[in-house]
Amino acid sequence: MFGDIDFSKMSEILNKAKEQAKELEDRLSSKEFSANSGGGLVKVSANGKGEIIDIKIDDSLLEDKESMQILLISAINEVLNMVNQNR
């Protein structure tokens, strides 16, 4: 059933796959994506792993909680979509 498979090389193959996965993760970590909403009133940045790394909110939104929430949700969803498209 497994006559054509050289199991002695399986460890080597697995180690190479682990190295490639680590390299990909490192590259994704170093990428940065940003999205704006409300004409730039809210800006959200994320790294390639989908972690939010920065949020900027214009002072004019500090008194309008509902608008700020809507714009934050929009910018977060947009930046996470950008990250997912680049994986």
C-alpha atoms as a PDB file:
ATOM      1  CA  MET A   1       0.000   0.000   0.000  1.00  0.00           C
ATOM      2  CA  PHE A   2       2.815   2.464   0.876  1.00  0.00           C
ATOM      3  CA  GLY A   3       5.490   0.789  -1.219  1.00  0.00           C
ATOM      4  CA  ASP A   4       6.426   3.888  -3.228  1.00  0.00           C
ATOM      5  CA  ILE A   5       6.764   6.252  -0.250  1.00  0.00           C
ATOM      6  CA  ASP A   6      10.154   6.896   1.348  1.00  0.00           C
ATOM      7  CA  PHE A   7       9.232   7.491   4.995  1.00  0.00           C
ATOM      8  CA  SER A   8      12.804   8.377   5.905  1.00  0.00           C
ATOM      9  CA  LYS A   9      12.326  11.727   4.150  1.00  0.00           C
ATOM     10  CA  MET A  10       9.023  12.577   5.871  1.00  0.00           C
ATOM     11  CA  SER A  11      10.776  14.439   8.704  1.00  0.00           C
ATOM     12  CA  GLU A  12      12.737  16.509   6.201  1.00  0.00           C
ATOM     13  CA  ILE A  13       9.562  17.342   4.256  1.00  0.00           C
ATOM     14  CA  LEU A  14       7.688  18.305   7.431  1.00  0.00           C
ATOM     15  CA  ASN A  15      10.531  20.541   8.620  1.00  0.00           C
ATOM     16  CA  LYS A  16      10.639  22.305   5.268  1.00  0.00           C
ATOM     17  CA  ALA A  17       6.872  22.857   5.394  1.00  0.00           C
ATOM     18  CA  LYS A  18       7.189  24.309   8.909  1.00  0.00           C
ATOM     19  CA  GLU A  19       9.927  26.682   7.745  1.00  0.00           C
ATOM     20  CA  GLN A  20       7.809  27.855   4.814  1.00  0.00           C
ATOM     21  CA  ALA A  21       4.808  28.414   7.088  1.00  0.00           C
ATOM     22  CA  LYS A  22       6.955  30.450   9.490  1.00  0.00           C
ATOM     23  CA  GLU A  23       8.321  32.577   6.617  1.00  0.00           C
ATOM     24  CA  LEU A  24       4.793  33.253   5.380  1.00  0.00           C
ATOM     25  CA  GLU A  25       3.641  34.223   8.874  1.00  0.00           C
ATOM     26  CA  ASP A  26       6.612  36.573   9.265  1.00  0.00           C
ATOM     27  CA  ARG A  27       5.860  38.229   5.915  1.00  0.00           C
ATOM     28  CA  LEU A  28       2.198  38.657   6.862  1.00  0.00           C
ATOM     29  CA  SER A  29       3.140  40.138  10.233  1.00  0.00           C
ATOM     30  CA  SER A  30       5.246  42.802   8.586  1.00  0.00           C
ATOM     31  CA  LYS A  31       2.521  43.922   6.155  1.00  0.00           C
ATOM     32  CA  GLU A  32       0.278  46.765   7.204  1.00  0.00           C
ATOM     33  CA  PHE A  33      -3.184  47.604   5.884  1.00  0.00           C
ATOM     34  CA  SER A  34      -5.246  50.732   6.555  1.00  0.00           C
ATOM     35  CA  ALA A  35      -8.855  51.651   5.889  1.00  0.00           C
ATOM     36  CA  ASN A  36     -10.721  54.944   6.326  1.00  0.00           C
ATOM     37  CA  SER A  37     -14.374  55.684   6.844  1.00  0.00           C
ATOM     38  CA  GLY A  38     -16.398  58.846   7.120  1.00  0.00           C
ATOM     39  CA  GLY A  39     -14.160  60.666   4.693  1.00  0.00           C
ATOM     40  CA  GLY A  40     -11.132  60.009   6.880  1.00  0.00           C
ATOM     41  CA  LEU A  41     -12.749  60.721  10.244  1.00  0.00           C
ATOM     42  CA  VAL A  42     -11.829  57.178  11.322  1.00  0.00           C
ATOM     43  CA  LYS A  43      -8.725  55.262  10.262  1.00  0.00           C
ATOM     44  CA  VAL A  44      -8.006  51.670  11.299  1.00  0.00           C
ATOM     45  CA  SER A  45      -4.740  49.839  10.655  1.00  0.00           C
ATOM     46  CA  ALA A  46      -4.087  46.109  10.914  1.00  0.00           C
ATOM     47  CA  ASN A  47      -1.125  43.847  10.319  1.00  0.00           C
ATOM     48  CA  GLY A  48      -1.203  40.912   7.927  1.00  0.00           C
ATOM     49  CA  LYS A  49      -2.246  38.550  10.700  1.00  0.00           C
ATOM     50  CA  GLY A  50      -5.493  40.480  11.146  1.00  0.00           C
ATOM     51  CA  GLU A  51      -4.497  42.161  14.404  1.00  0.00           C
ATOM     52  CA  ILE A  52      -5.686  45.758  14.793  1.00  0.00           C
ATOM     53  CA  ILE A  53      -2.570  47.809  15.460  1.00  0.00           C
ATOM     54  CA  ASP A  54      -3.877  51.389  15.373  1.00  0.00           C
ATOM     55  CA  ILE A  55      -7.122  53.362  15.428  1.00  0.00           C
ATOM     56  CA  LYS A  56      -7.354  57.086  14.784  1.00  0.00           C
ATOM     57  CA  ILE A  57     -10.607  58.946  15.496  1.00  0.00           C
ATOM     58  CA  ASP A  58     -11.169  62.590  14.587  1.00  0.00           C
ATOM     59  CA  ASP A  59     -12.036  64.727  17.617  1.00  0.00           C
ATOM     60  CA  SER A  60     -15.285  65.837  15.965  1.00  0.00           C
ATOM     61  CA  LEU A  61     -16.705  62.332  16.536  1.00  0.00           C
ATOM     62  CA  LEU A  62     -16.076  62.255  20.279  1.00  0.00           C
ATOM     63  CA  GLU A  63     -19.480  63.755  21.016  1.00  0.00           C
ATOM     64  CA  ASP A  64     -21.393  61.522  18.560  1.00  0.00           C
ATOM     65  CA  LYS A  65     -21.037  57.998  19.916  1.00  0.00           C
ATOM     66  CA  GLU A  66     -23.431  56.378  17.438  1.00  0.00           C
ATOM     67  CA  SER A  67     -21.695  57.814  14.367  1.00  0.00           C
ATOM     68  CA  MET A  68     -18.311  56.887  15.797  1.00  0.00           C
ATOM     69  CA  GLN A  69     -19.437  53.278  16.332  1.00  0.00           C
ATOM     70  CA  ILE A  70     -20.791  52.999  12.778  1.00  0.00           C
ATOM     71  CA  LEU A  71     -17.634  54.443  11.253  1.00  0.00           C
ATOM     72  CA  LEU A  72     -15.402  52.220  13.413  1.00  0.00           C
ATOM     73  CA  ILE A  73     -17.299  49.089  12.388  1.00  0.00           C
ATOM     74  CA  SER A  74     -17.071  50.090   8.739  1.00  0.00           C
ATOM     75  CA  ALA A  75     -13.324  50.770   8.853  1.00  0.00           C
ATOM     76  CA  ILE A  76     -12.576  47.608  10.844  1.00  0.00           C
ATOM     77  CA  ASN A  77     -14.563  45.433   8.450  1.00  0.00           C
ATOM     78  CA  GLU A  78     -12.852  47.025   5.461  1.00  0.00           C
ATOM     79  CA  VAL A  79      -9.329  46.584   6.809  1.00  0.00           C
ATOM     80  CA  LEU A  80     -10.007  42.958   7.809  1.00  0.00           C
ATOM     81  CA  ASN A  81     -11.336  42.267   4.296  1.00  0.00           C
ATOM     82  CA  MET A  82      -8.107  43.714   2.911  1.00  0.00           C
ATOM     83  CA  VAL A  83      -6.079  41.413   5.157  1.00  0.00           C
ATOM     84  CA  ASN A  84      -8.104  38.345   4.157  1.00  0.00           C
ATOM     85  CA  GLN A  85      -7.714  39.105   0.457  1.00  0.00           C
ATOM     86  CA  ASN A  86      -3.929  39.179   0.868  1.00  0.00           C
ATOM     87  CA  ARG A  87      -3.574  35.846   2.671  1.00  0.00           C
END
